[in-house]
């Protein structure tokens, strides 16, 4: 496990909400303005901005402002960290399940020999 779990914790917290996951999916297609991102959601702009704030705090989204237009872009590094953590967990559990399969087969073979 990472020595500093905070960035991973922040990324998971940001991804825990379906609205924020939908924003990440939209930004995977390319940068978008806040208005463009908010359009599909039936919520007030202040509520949507709170979602963006959590995504920014999680390191998943970077924003820039040009005049009155605020544009958001996806930052893929935290997603790579989340993916790496999930891959490690998957490998661990695959190994454990393989060991369990071998044990069960061994027990079954021992039982059949008796």
PDB file of N, CA and C in Angstrom:
ATOM      1  N   UNK A   1       0.836  -1.186   0.000  1.00  0.00           N
ATOM      2  CA  UNK A   1       0.000   0.000   0.000  1.00  0.00           C
ATOM      3  C   UNK A   1       0.878   1.246   0.000  1.00  0.00           C
ATOM      4  N   UNK A   2       0.341   2.295  -0.573  1.00  0.00           N
ATOM      5  CA  UNK A   2       1.061   3.559  -0.659  1.00  0.00           C
ATOM      6  C   UNK A   2       1.352   4.111   0.732  1.00  0.00           C
ATOM      7  N   UNK A   3       2.501   4.796   0.850  1.00  0.00           N
ATOM      8  CA  UNK A   3       2.837   5.419   2.125  1.00  0.00           C
ATOM      9  C   UNK A   3       1.884   6.556   2.454  1.00  0.00           C
ATOM     10  N   UNK A   4       1.362   7.231   1.434  1.00  0.00           N
ATOM     11  CA  UNK A   4       0.429   8.329   1.636  1.00  0.00           C
ATOM     12  C   UNK A   4      -0.889   7.980   0.945  1.00  0.00           C
ATOM     13  N   UNK A   5      -1.837   7.405   1.692  1.00  0.00           N
ATOM     14  CA  UNK A   5      -3.088   6.977   1.057  1.00  0.00           C
ATOM     15  C   UNK A   5      -4.043   8.119   0.746  1.00  0.00           C
ATOM     16  N   UNK A   6      -3.762   9.328   1.206  1.00  0.00           N
ATOM     17  CA  UNK A   6      -4.705  10.440   1.030  1.00  0.00           C
ATOM     18  C   UNK A   6      -5.094  10.686  -0.432  1.00  0.00           C
ATOM     19  N   UNK A   7      -4.160  10.731  -1.392  1.00  0.00           N
ATOM     20  CA  UNK A   7      -4.592  10.963  -2.780  1.00  0.00           C
ATOM     21  C   UNK A   7      -5.537   9.865  -3.298  1.00  0.00           C
ATOM     22  N   UNK A   8      -5.264   8.627  -2.933  1.00  0.00           N
ATOM     23  CA  UNK A   8      -6.132   7.528  -3.346  1.00  0.00           C
ATOM     24  C   UNK A   8      -7.493   7.648  -2.658  1.00  0.00           C
ATOM     25  N   UNK A   9      -7.489   7.991  -1.379  1.00  0.00           N
ATOM     26  CA  UNK A   9      -8.740   8.193  -0.645  1.00  0.00           C
ATOM     27  C   UNK A   9      -9.560   9.306  -1.291  1.00  0.00           C
ATOM     28  N   UNK A  10      -8.897  10.395  -1.645  1.00  0.00           N
ATOM     29  CA  UNK A  10      -9.589  11.532  -2.267  1.00  0.00           C
ATOM     30  C   UNK A  10     -10.189  11.136  -3.617  1.00  0.00           C
ATOM     31  N   UNK A  11      -9.437  10.357  -4.388  1.00  0.00           N
ATOM     32  CA  UNK A  11      -9.940   9.927  -5.699  1.00  0.00           C
ATOM     33  C   UNK A  11     -11.150   9.011  -5.541  1.00  0.00           C
ATOM     34  N   UNK A  12     -11.083   8.065  -4.602  1.00  0.00           N
ATOM     35  CA  UNK A  12     -12.226   7.179  -4.379  1.00  0.00           C
ATOM     36  C   UNK A  12     -13.438   7.969  -3.874  1.00  0.00           C
ATOM     37  N   UNK A  13     -13.210   8.927  -3.006  1.00  0.00           N
ATOM     38  CA  UNK A  13     -14.318   9.751  -2.509  1.00  0.00           C
ATOM     39  C   UNK A  13     -14.958  10.507  -3.675  1.00  0.00           C
ATOM     40  N   UNK A  14     -14.133  11.033  -4.554  1.00  0.00           N
ATOM     41  CA  UNK A  14     -14.655  11.767  -5.710  1.00  0.00           C
ATOM     42  C   UNK A  14     -15.444  10.854  -6.641  1.00  0.00           C
ATOM     43  N   UNK A  15     -15.008   9.620  -6.781  1.00  0.00           N
ATOM     44  CA  UNK A  15     -15.670   8.679  -7.695  1.00  0.00           C
ATOM     45  C   UNK A  15     -16.875   7.978  -7.070  1.00  0.00           C
ATOM     46  N   UNK A  16     -17.131   8.228  -5.795  1.00  0.00           N
ATOM     47  CA  UNK A  16     -18.197   7.524  -5.084  1.00  0.00           C
ATOM     48  C   UNK A  16     -19.601   7.970  -5.500  1.00  0.00           C
ATOM     49  N   UNK A  17     -19.703   9.061  -6.209  1.00  0.00           N
ATOM     50  CA  UNK A  17     -21.010   9.608  -6.567  1.00  0.00           C
ATOM     51  C   UNK A  17     -21.273   9.424  -8.070  1.00  0.00           C
ATOM     52  N   UNK A  18     -22.479   8.987  -8.446  1.00  0.00           N
ATOM     53  CA  UNK A  18     -22.767   8.765  -9.869  1.00  0.00           C
ATOM     54  C   UNK A  18     -22.685  10.030 -10.725  1.00  0.00           C
ATOM     55  N   UNK A  19     -23.044  11.176 -10.157  1.00  0.00           N
ATOM     56  CA  UNK A  19     -22.931  12.425 -10.921  1.00  0.00           C
ATOM     57  C   UNK A  19     -21.469  12.701 -11.246  1.00  0.00           C
ATOM     58  N   UNK A  20     -20.607  12.537 -10.260  1.00  0.00           N
ATOM     59  CA  UNK A  20     -19.188  12.807 -10.485  1.00  0.00           C
ATOM     60  C   UNK A  20     -18.580  11.791 -11.448  1.00  0.00           C
ATOM     61  N   UNK A  21     -19.007  10.538 -11.359  1.00  0.00           N
ATOM     62  CA  UNK A  21     -18.501   9.550 -12.326  1.00  0.00           C
ATOM     63  C   UNK A  21     -18.944   9.917 -13.742  1.00  0.00           C
ATOM     64  N   UNK A  22     -20.165  10.418 -13.882  1.00  0.00           N
ATOM     65  CA  UNK A  22     -20.656  10.836 -15.204  1.00  0.00           C
ATOM     66  C   UNK A  22     -19.843  12.019 -15.729  1.00  0.00           C
ATOM     67  N   UNK A  23     -19.462  12.929 -14.852  1.00  0.00           N
ATOM     68  CA  UNK A  23     -18.630  14.066 -15.269  1.00  0.00           C
ATOM     69  C   UNK A  23     -17.266  13.558 -15.733  1.00  0.00           C
ATOM     70  N   UNK A  24     -16.688  12.621 -14.994  1.00  0.00           N
ATOM     71  CA  UNK A  24     -15.393  12.044 -15.395  1.00  0.00           C
ATOM     72  C   UNK A  24     -15.521  11.380 -16.763  1.00  0.00           C
ATOM     73  N   UNK A  25     -16.604  10.644 -16.975  1.00  0.00           N
ATOM     74  CA  UNK A  25     -16.818   9.996 -18.276  1.00  0.00           C
ATOM     75  C   UNK A  25     -16.933  11.033 -19.387  1.00  0.00           C
ATOM     76  N   UNK A  26     -17.644  12.125 -19.124  1.00  0.00           N
ATOM     77  CA  UNK A  26     -17.782  13.184 -20.131  1.00  0.00           C
ATOM     78  C   UNK A  26     -16.426  13.809 -20.433  1.00  0.00           C
ATOM     79  N   UNK A  27     -15.645  14.056 -19.397  1.00  0.00           N
ATOM     80  CA  UNK A  27     -14.331  14.681 -19.604  1.00  0.00           C
ATOM     81  C   UNK A  27     -13.336  13.728 -20.254  1.00  0.00           C
ATOM     82  N   UNK A  28     -13.592  12.454 -20.211  1.00  0.00           N
ATOM     83  CA  UNK A  28     -12.725  11.493 -20.905  1.00  0.00           C
ATOM     84  C   UNK A  28     -12.797  11.716 -22.415  1.00  0.00           C
ATOM     85  N   UNK A  29     -13.874  12.327 -22.881  1.00  0.00           N
ATOM     86  CA  UNK A  29     -14.018  12.644 -24.311  1.00  0.00           C
ATOM     87  C   UNK A  29     -13.319  13.944 -24.679  1.00  0.00           C
ATOM     88  N   UNK A  30     -12.936  14.719 -23.654  1.00  0.00           N
ATOM     89  CA  UNK A  30     -12.230  15.973 -23.905  1.00  0.00           C
ATOM     90  C   UNK A  30     -12.691  17.057 -22.962  1.00  0.00           C
ATOM     91  N   UNK A  31     -11.940  18.165 -22.903  1.00  0.00           N
ATOM     92  CA  UNK A  31     -12.306  19.269 -22.013  1.00  0.00           C
ATOM     93  C   UNK A  31     -13.687  19.816 -22.353  1.00  0.00           C
ATOM     94  N   UNK A  32     -14.334  20.386 -21.337  1.00  0.00           N
ATOM     95  CA  UNK A  32     -15.666  20.961 -21.524  1.00  0.00           C
ATOM     96  C   UNK A  32     -15.855  22.097 -20.532  1.00  0.00           C
ATOM     97  N   UNK A  33     -16.736  23.003 -20.887  1.00  0.00           N
ATOM     98  CA  UNK A  33     -17.045  24.097 -19.970  1.00  0.00           C
ATOM     99  C   UNK A  33     -17.952  23.572 -18.858  1.00  0.00           C
ATOM    100  N   UNK A  34     -18.001  24.329 -17.777  1.00  0.00           N
ATOM    101  CA  UNK A  34     -18.867  23.957 -16.663  1.00  0.00           C
ATOM    102  C   UNK A  34     -20.317  23.881 -17.136  1.00  0.00           C
ATOM    103  N   UNK A  35     -20.745  24.827 -17.947  1.00  0.00           N
ATOM    104  CA  UNK A  35     -22.125  24.819 -18.455  1.00  0.00           C
ATOM    105  C   UNK A  35     -22.414  23.573 -19.271  1.00  0.00           C
ATOM    106  N   UNK A  36     -21.480  23.179 -20.130  1.00  0.00           N
ATOM    107  CA  UNK A  36     -21.664  21.970 -20.936  1.00  0.00           C
ATOM    108  C   UNK A  36     -21.769  20.732 -20.046  1.00  0.00           C
ATOM    109  N   UNK A  37     -20.925  20.685 -19.020  1.00  0.00           N
ATOM    110  CA  UNK A  37     -20.933  19.531 -18.121  1.00  0.00           C
ATOM    111  C   UNK A  37     -22.205  19.468 -17.289  1.00  0.00           C
ATOM    112  N   UNK A  38     -22.707  20.627 -16.877  1.00  0.00           N
ATOM    113  CA  UNK A  38     -23.884  20.679 -16.005  1.00  0.00           C
ATOM    114  C   UNK A  38     -25.185  20.396 -16.751  1.00  0.00           C
ATOM    115  N   UNK A  39     -25.213  20.644 -18.047  1.00  0.00           N
ATOM    116  CA  UNK A  39     -26.445  20.566 -18.837  1.00  0.00           C
ATOM    117  C   UNK A  39     -27.238  19.269 -18.636  1.00  0.00           C
ATOM    118  N   UNK A  40     -26.620  18.088 -18.638  1.00  0.00           N
ATOM    119  CA  UNK A  40     -27.422  16.852 -18.527  1.00  0.00           C
ATOM    120  C   UNK A  40     -28.020  16.594 -17.137  1.00  0.00           C
ATOM    121  N   UNK A  41     -27.629  17.362 -16.149  1.00  0.00           N
ATOM    122  CA  UNK A  41     -28.041  17.068 -14.782  1.00  0.00           C
ATOM    123  C   UNK A  41     -29.167  17.994 -14.326  1.00  0.00           C
ATOM    124  N   UNK A  42     -30.133  17.409 -13.666  1.00  0.00           N
ATOM    125  CA  UNK A  42     -31.277  18.160 -13.157  1.00  0.00           C
ATOM    126  C   UNK A  42     -30.963  18.642 -11.745  1.00  0.00           C
ATOM    127  N   UNK A  43     -30.091  19.656 -11.675  1.00  0.00           N
ATOM    128  CA  UNK A  43     -29.735  20.229 -10.379  1.00  0.00           C
ATOM    129  C   UNK A  43     -29.333  21.684 -10.571  1.00  0.00           C
ATOM    130  N   UNK A  44     -29.413  22.415  -9.482  1.00  0.00           N
ATOM    131  CA  UNK A  44     -29.007  23.817  -9.513  1.00  0.00           C
ATOM    132  C   UNK A  44     -27.500  23.913  -9.716  1.00  0.00           C
ATOM    133  N   UNK A  45     -27.066  24.989 -10.334  1.00  0.00           N
ATOM    134  CA  UNK A  45     -25.640  25.182 -10.605  1.00  0.00           C
ATOM    135  C   UNK A  45     -24.792  25.123  -9.331  1.00  0.00           C
ATOM    136  N   UNK A  46     -25.204  25.726  -8.210  1.00  0.00           N
ATOM    137  CA  UNK A  46     -24.376  25.604  -7.004  1.00  0.00           C
ATOM    138  C   UNK A  46     -24.153  24.152  -6.569  1.00  0.00           C
ATOM    139  N   UNK A  47     -25.168  23.324  -6.718  1.00  0.00           N
ATOM    140  CA  UNK A  47     -25.013  21.899  -6.379  1.00  0.00           C
ATOM    141  C   UNK A  47     -24.028  21.225  -7.328  1.00  0.00           C
ATOM    142  N   UNK A  48     -24.138  21.555  -8.607  1.00  0.00           N
ATOM    143  CA  UNK A  48     -23.209  20.969  -9.574  1.00  0.00           C
ATOM    144  C   UNK A  48     -21.786  21.427  -9.295  1.00  0.00           C
ATOM    145  N   UNK A  49     -21.619  22.681  -8.931  1.00  0.00           N
ATOM    146  CA  UNK A  49     -20.280  23.201  -8.632  1.00  0.00           C
ATOM    147  C   UNK A  49     -19.663  22.494  -7.426  1.00  0.00           C
ATOM    148  N   UNK A  50     -20.499  22.074  -6.487  1.00  0.00           N
ATOM    149  CA  UNK A  50     -19.984  21.289  -5.352  1.00  0.00           C
ATOM    150  C   UNK A  50     -19.396  19.965  -5.850  1.00  0.00           C
ATOM    151  N   UNK A  51     -20.057  19.343  -6.797  1.00  0.00           N
ATOM    152  CA  UNK A  51     -19.530  18.100  -7.383  1.00  0.00           C
ATOM    153  C   UNK A  51     -18.178  18.362  -8.052  1.00  0.00           C
ATOM    154  N   UNK A  52     -18.093  19.454  -8.797  1.00  0.00           N
ATOM    155  CA  UNK A  52     -16.815  19.794  -9.437  1.00  0.00           C
ATOM    156  C   UNK A  52     -15.718  20.039  -8.401  1.00  0.00           C
ATOM    157  N   UNK A  53     -16.090  20.675  -7.309  1.00  0.00           N
ATOM    158  CA  UNK A  53     -15.117  20.948  -6.249  1.00  0.00           C
ATOM    159  C   UNK A  53     -14.554  19.636  -5.686  1.00  0.00           C
ATOM    160  N   UNK A  54     -15.413  18.652  -5.472  1.00  0.00           N
ATOM    161  CA  UNK A  54     -14.955  17.354  -4.961  1.00  0.00           C
ATOM    162  C   UNK A  54     -14.035  16.688  -5.983  1.00  0.00           C
ATOM    163  N   UNK A  55     -14.384  16.786  -7.257  1.00  0.00           N
ATOM    164  CA  UNK A  55     -13.523  16.207  -8.302  1.00  0.00           C
ATOM    165  C   UNK A  55     -12.163  16.899  -8.339  1.00  0.00           C
ATOM    166  N   UNK A  56     -12.157  18.212  -8.160  1.00  0.00           N
ATOM    167  CA  UNK A  56     -10.887  18.952  -8.117  1.00  0.00           C
ATOM    168  C   UNK A  56     -10.068  18.557  -6.893  1.00  0.00           C
ATOM    169  N   UNK A  57     -10.721  18.470  -5.739  1.00  0.00           N
ATOM    170  CA  UNK A  57     -10.025  18.081  -4.515  1.00  0.00           C
ATOM    171  C   UNK A  57      -9.464  16.666  -4.624  1.00  0.00           C
ATOM    172  N   UNK A  58     -10.146  15.814  -5.367  1.00  0.00           N
ATOM    173  CA  UNK A  58      -9.680  14.451  -5.586  1.00  0.00           C
ATOM    174  C   UNK A  58      -8.582  14.365  -6.629  1.00  0.00           C
ATOM    175  N   UNK A  59      -8.266  15.500  -7.243  1.00  0.00           N
ATOM    176  CA  UNK A  59      -7.205  15.535  -8.233  1.00  0.00           C
ATOM    177  C   UNK A  59      -7.616  15.031  -9.603  1.00  0.00           C
ATOM    178  N   UNK A  60      -8.897  14.768  -9.785  1.00  0.00           N
ATOM    179  CA  UNK A  60      -9.364  14.183 -11.044  1.00  0.00           C
ATOM    180  C   UNK A  60      -9.662  15.210 -12.128  1.00  0.00           C
ATOM    181  N   UNK A  61      -9.913  16.450 -11.707  1.00  0.00           N
ATOM    182  CA  UNK A  61     -10.294  17.485 -12.657  1.00  0.00           C
ATOM    183  C   UNK A  61      -9.460  18.739 -12.396  1.00  0.00           C
ATOM    184  N   UNK A  62      -9.016  19.341 -13.474  1.00  0.00           N
ATOM    185  CA  UNK A  62      -8.332  20.632 -13.411  1.00  0.00           C
ATOM    186  C   UNK A  62      -9.217  21.635 -14.140  1.00  0.00           C
ATOM    187  N   UNK A  63      -9.308  22.834 -13.601  1.00  0.00           N
ATOM    188  CA  UNK A  63     -10.114  23.860 -14.252  1.00  0.00           C
ATOM    189  C   UNK A  63      -9.255  25.067 -14.594  1.00  0.00           C
ATOM    190  N   UNK A  64      -9.664  25.738 -15.645  1.00  0.00           N
ATOM    191  CA  UNK A  64      -9.012  26.988 -16.033  1.00  0.00           C
ATOM    192  C   UNK A  64     -10.114  27.976 -16.392  1.00  0.00           C
ATOM    193  N   UNK A  65      -9.818  29.253 -16.213  1.00  0.00           N
ATOM    194  CA  UNK A  65     -10.819  30.271 -16.477  1.00  0.00           C
ATOM    195  C   UNK A  65     -10.282  31.252 -17.510  1.00  0.00           C
ATOM    196  N   UNK A  66     -11.091  31.490 -18.523  1.00  0.00           N
ATOM    197  CA  UNK A  66     -10.753  32.465 -19.551  1.00  0.00           C
ATOM    198  C   UNK A  66     -11.952  33.395 -19.670  1.00  0.00           C
ATOM    199  N   UNK A  67     -11.774  34.595 -19.163  1.00  0.00           N
ATOM    200  CA  UNK A  67     -12.910  35.514 -19.108  1.00  0.00           C
ATOM    201  C   UNK A  67     -13.925  34.989 -18.111  1.00  0.00           C
ATOM    202  N   UNK A  68     -15.154  34.803 -18.583  1.00  0.00           N
ATOM    203  CA  UNK A  68     -16.215  34.281 -17.714  1.00  0.00           C
ATOM    204  C   UNK A  68     -16.422  32.790 -17.891  1.00  0.00           C
ATOM    205  N   UNK A  69     -15.648  32.171 -18.754  1.00  0.00           N
ATOM    206  CA  UNK A  69     -15.844  30.755 -19.066  1.00  0.00           C
ATOM    207  C   UNK A  69     -14.831  29.900 -18.308  1.00  0.00           C
ATOM    208  N   UNK A  70     -15.353  28.985 -17.557  1.00  0.00           N
ATOM    209  CA  UNK A  70     -14.519  28.048 -16.806  1.00  0.00           C
ATOM    210  C   UNK A  70     -14.542  26.699 -17.526  1.00  0.00           C
ATOM    211  N   UNK A  71     -13.361  26.217 -17.891  1.00  0.00           N
ATOM    212  CA  UNK A  71     -13.235  24.958 -18.623  1.00  0.00           C
ATOM    213  C   UNK A  71     -12.592  23.905 -17.729  1.00  0.00           C
ATOM    214  N   UNK A  72     -13.101  22.705 -17.830  1.00  0.00           N
ATOM    215  CA  UNK A  72     -12.609  21.584 -17.026  1.00  0.00           C
ATOM    216  C   UNK A  72     -11.928  20.567 -17.927  1.00  0.00           C
ATOM    217  N   UNK A  73     -10.905  19.942 -17.390  1.00  0.00           N
ATOM    218  CA  UNK A  73     -10.193  18.887 -18.107  1.00  0.00           C
ATOM    219  C   UNK A  73      -9.907  17.754 -17.117  1.00  0.00           C
ATOM    220  N   UNK A  74      -9.908  16.555 -17.640  1.00  0.00           N
ATOM    221  CA  UNK A  74      -9.634  15.372 -16.828  1.00  0.00           C
ATOM    222  C   UNK A  74      -8.146  15.263 -16.550  1.00  0.00           C
ATOM    223  N   UNK A  75      -7.798  14.922 -15.323  1.00  0.00           N
ATOM    224  CA  UNK A  75      -6.413  14.626 -14.946  1.00  0.00           C
ATOM    225  C   UNK A  75      -6.341  13.113 -14.759  1.00  0.00           C
ATOM    226  N   UNK A  76      -5.688  12.387 -15.653  1.00  0.00           N
ATOM    227  CA  UNK A  76      -5.730  10.925 -15.626  1.00  0.00           C
ATOM    228  C   UNK A  76      -4.860  10.260 -14.551  1.00  0.00           C
ATOM    229  N   UNK A  77      -3.915  10.984 -13.964  1.00  0.00           N
ATOM    230  CA  UNK A  77      -2.999  10.353 -13.008  1.00  0.00           C
ATOM    231  C   UNK A  77      -3.717   9.700 -11.831  1.00  0.00           C
ATOM    232  N   UNK A  78      -4.670  10.380 -11.186  1.00  0.00           N
ATOM    233  CA  UNK A  78      -5.366   9.725 -10.076  1.00  0.00           C
ATOM    234  C   UNK A  78      -6.154   8.491 -10.519  1.00  0.00           C
ATOM    235  N   UNK A  79      -6.695   8.533 -11.738  1.00  0.00           N
ATOM    236  CA  UNK A  79      -7.407   7.353 -12.245  1.00  0.00           C
ATOM    237  C   UNK A  79      -6.447   6.185 -12.440  1.00  0.00           C
ATOM    238  N   UNK A  80      -5.230   6.485 -12.867  1.00  0.00           N
ATOM    239  CA  UNK A  80      -4.219   5.433 -13.009  1.00  0.00           C
ATOM    240  C   UNK A  80      -3.876   4.844 -11.645  1.00  0.00           C
ATOM    241  N   UNK A  81      -3.807   5.690 -10.620  1.00  0.00           N
ATOM    242  CA  UNK A  81      -3.520   5.205  -9.266  1.00  0.00           C
ATOM    243  C   UNK A  81      -4.657   4.312  -8.765  1.00  0.00           C
ATOM    244  N   UNK A  82      -5.892   4.722  -9.017  1.00  0.00           N
ATOM    245  CA  UNK A  82      -7.050   3.908  -8.630  1.00  0.00           C
ATOM    246  C   UNK A  82      -6.998   2.569  -9.372  1.00  0.00           C
ATOM    247  N   UNK A  83      -6.725   2.622 -10.673  1.00  0.00           N
ATOM    248  CA  UNK A  83      -6.633   1.397 -11.468  1.00  0.00           C
ATOM    249  C   UNK A  83      -5.535   0.474 -10.971  1.00  0.00           C
ATOM    250  N   UNK A  84      -4.400   1.046 -10.609  1.00  0.00           N
ATOM    251  CA  UNK A  84      -3.299   0.237 -10.080  1.00  0.00           C
ATOM    252  C   UNK A  84      -3.668  -0.433  -8.774  1.00  0.00           C
ATOM    253  N   UNK A  85      -4.345   0.296  -7.900  1.00  0.00           N
ATOM    254  CA  UNK A  85      -4.772  -0.279  -6.625  1.00  0.00           C
ATOM    255  C   UNK A  85      -5.768  -1.411  -6.856  1.00  0.00           C
ATOM    256  N   UNK A  86      -6.751  -1.163  -7.753  1.00  0.00           N
ATOM    257  CA  UNK A  86      -7.734  -2.206  -8.062  1.00  0.00           C
ATOM    258  C   UNK A  86      -7.081  -3.426  -8.698  1.00  0.00           C
ATOM    259  N   UNK A  87      -6.114  -3.212  -9.582  1.00  0.00           N
ATOM    260  CA  UNK A  87      -5.394  -4.334 -10.196  1.00  0.00           C
ATOM    261  C   UNK A  87      -4.675  -5.173  -9.147  1.00  0.00           C
ATOM    262  N   UNK A  88      -4.049  -4.506  -8.162  1.00  0.00           N
ATOM    263  CA  UNK A  88      -3.350  -5.228  -7.100  1.00  0.00           C
ATOM    264  C   UNK A  88      -4.332  -6.046  -6.268  1.00  0.00           C
ATOM    265  N   UNK A  89      -5.500  -5.469  -5.977  1.00  0.00           N
ATOM    266  CA  UNK A  89      -6.514  -6.207  -5.212  1.00  0.00           C
ATOM    267  C   UNK A  89      -7.038  -7.393  -6.003  1.00  0.00           C
ATOM    268  N   UNK A  90      -7.253  -7.190  -7.294  1.00  0.00           N
ATOM    269  CA  UNK A  90      -7.739  -8.266  -8.156  1.00  0.00           C
ATOM    270  C   UNK A  90      -6.723  -9.406  -8.203  1.00  0.00           C
ATOM    271  N   UNK A  91      -5.461  -9.073  -8.330  1.00  0.00           N
ATOM    272  CA  UNK A  91      -4.410 -10.094  -8.371  1.00  0.00           C
ATOM    273  C   UNK A  91      -4.350 -10.860  -7.060  1.00  0.00           C
ATOM    274  N   UNK A  92      -4.451 -10.158  -5.950  1.00  0.00           N
ATOM    275  CA  UNK A  92      -4.424 -10.808  -4.642  1.00  0.00           C
ATOM    276  C   UNK A  92      -5.581 -11.790  -4.501  1.00  0.00           C
ATOM    277  N   UNK A  93      -6.779 -11.347  -4.841  1.00  0.00           N
ATOM    278  CA  UNK A  93      -7.940 -12.211  -4.680  1.00  0.00           C
ATOM    279  C   UNK A  93      -7.971 -13.334  -5.703  1.00  0.00           C
ATOM    280  N   UNK A  94      -7.445 -13.106  -6.878  1.00  0.00           N
ATOM    281  CA  UNK A  94      -7.333 -14.187  -7.855  1.00  0.00           C
ATOM    282  C   UNK A  94      -6.395 -15.260  -7.324  1.00  0.00           C
ATOM    283  N   UNK A  95      -5.282 -14.852  -6.750  1.00  0.00           N
ATOM    284  CA  UNK A  95      -4.328 -15.799  -6.163  1.00  0.00           C
ATOM    285  C   UNK A  95      -4.983 -16.578  -5.027  1.00  0.00           C
ATOM    286  N   UNK A  96      -5.694 -15.887  -4.164  1.00  0.00           N
ATOM    287  CA  UNK A  96      -6.350 -16.563  -3.038  1.00  0.00           C
ATOM    288  C   UNK A  96      -7.415 -17.539  -3.505  1.00  0.00           C
ATOM    289  N   UNK A  97      -8.201 -17.148  -4.501  1.00  0.00           N
ATOM    290  CA  UNK A  97      -9.227 -18.052  -5.016  1.00  0.00           C
ATOM    291  C   UNK A  97      -8.606 -19.255  -5.726  1.00  0.00           C
ATOM    292  N   UNK A  98      -7.491 -19.046  -6.415  1.00  0.00           N
ATOM    293  CA  UNK A  98      -6.781 -20.172  -7.040  1.00  0.00           C
ATOM    294  C   UNK A  98      -6.279 -21.139  -5.979  1.00  0.00           C
ATOM    295  N   UNK A  99      -5.756 -20.609  -4.873  1.00  0.00           N
ATOM    296  CA  UNK A  99      -5.291 -21.466  -3.775  1.00  0.00           C
ATOM    297  C   UNK A  99      -6.454 -22.247  -3.176  1.00  0.00           C
ATOM    298  N   UNK A 100      -7.591 -21.606  -3.013  1.00  0.00           N
ATOM    299  CA  UNK A 100      -8.771 -22.282  -2.493  1.00  0.00           C
ATOM    300  C   UNK A 100      -9.221 -23.384  -3.448  1.00  0.00           C
ATOM    301  N   UNK A 101      -9.216 -23.112  -4.747  1.00  0.00           N
ATOM    302  CA  UNK A 101      -9.574 -24.135  -5.739  1.00  0.00           C
ATOM    303  C   UNK A 101      -8.658 -25.350  -5.627  1.00  0.00           C
ATOM    304  N   UNK A 102      -7.351 -25.083  -5.516  1.00  0.00           N
ATOM    305  CA  UNK A 102      -6.408 -26.199  -5.403  1.00  0.00           C
ATOM    306  C   UNK A 102      -6.661 -27.006  -4.135  1.00  0.00           C
ATOM    307  N   UNK A 103      -6.924 -26.330  -3.034  1.00  0.00           N
ATOM    308  CA  UNK A 103      -7.202 -27.023  -1.780  1.00  0.00           C
ATOM    309  C   UNK A 103      -8.460 -27.870  -1.895  1.00  0.00           C
ATOM    310  N   UNK A 104      -9.518 -27.313  -2.452  1.00  0.00           N
ATOM    311  CA  UNK A 104     -10.764 -28.057  -2.593  1.00  0.00           C
ATOM    312  C   UNK A 104     -10.600 -29.265  -3.511  1.00  0.00           C
ATOM    313  N   UNK A 105      -9.864 -29.095  -4.602  1.00  0.00           N
ATOM    314  CA  UNK A 105      -9.605 -30.231  -5.492  1.00  0.00           C
ATOM    315  C   UNK A 105      -8.796 -31.299  -4.789  1.00  0.00           C
ATOM    316  N   UNK A 106      -7.820 -30.894  -4.009  1.00  0.00           N
ATOM    317  CA  UNK A 106      -6.996 -31.839  -3.258  1.00  0.00           C
ATOM    318  C   UNK A 106      -7.847 -32.602  -2.250  1.00  0.00           C
ATOM    319  N   UNK A 107      -8.713 -31.903  -1.545  1.00  0.00           N
ATOM    320  CA  UNK A 107      -9.593 -32.555  -0.572  1.00  0.00           C
ATOM    321  C   UNK A 107     -10.557 -33.513  -1.261  1.00  0.00           C
ATOM    322  N   UNK A 108     -11.068 -33.105  -2.406  1.00  0.00           N
ATOM    323  CA  UNK A 108     -11.977 -33.965  -3.155  1.00  0.00           C
ATOM    324  C   UNK A 108     -11.248 -35.221  -3.625  1.00  0.00           C
ATOM    325  N   UNK A 109     -10.028 -35.062  -4.144  1.00  0.00           N
ATOM    326  CA  UNK A 109      -9.247 -36.219  -4.593  1.00  0.00           C
ATOM    327  C   UNK A 109      -8.917 -37.153  -3.436  1.00  0.00           C
ATOM    328  N   UNK A 110      -8.562 -36.595  -2.281  1.00  0.00           N
ATOM    329  CA  UNK A 110      -8.286 -37.403  -1.095  1.00  0.00           C
ATOM    330  C   UNK A 110      -9.530 -38.188  -0.682  1.00  0.00           C
ATOM    331  N   UNK A 111     -10.669 -37.553  -0.735  1.00  0.00           N
ATOM    332  CA  UNK A 111     -11.939 -38.190  -0.352  1.00  0.00           C
ATOM    333  C   UNK A 111     -12.269 -39.324  -1.328  1.00  0.00           C
ATOM    334  N   UNK A 112     -12.014 -39.116  -2.616  1.00  0.00           N
ATOM    335  CA  UNK A 112     -12.314 -40.144  -3.622  1.00  0.00           C
ATOM    336  C   UNK A 112     -11.388 -41.341  -3.497  1.00  0.00           C
ATOM    337  N   UNK A 113     -10.192 -41.142  -3.017  1.00  0.00           N
ATOM    338  CA  UNK A 113      -9.229 -42.250  -2.844  1.00  0.00           C
ATOM    339  C   UNK A 113      -9.577 -43.148  -1.665  1.00  0.00           C
ATOM    340  N   UNK A 114     -10.349 -42.655  -0.743  1.00  0.00           N
ATOM    341  CA  UNK A 114     -10.697 -43.423   0.452  1.00  0.00           C
ATOM    342  C   UNK A 114     -11.764 -44.416   0.204  1.00  0.00           C
TER     343      UNK A 114
END
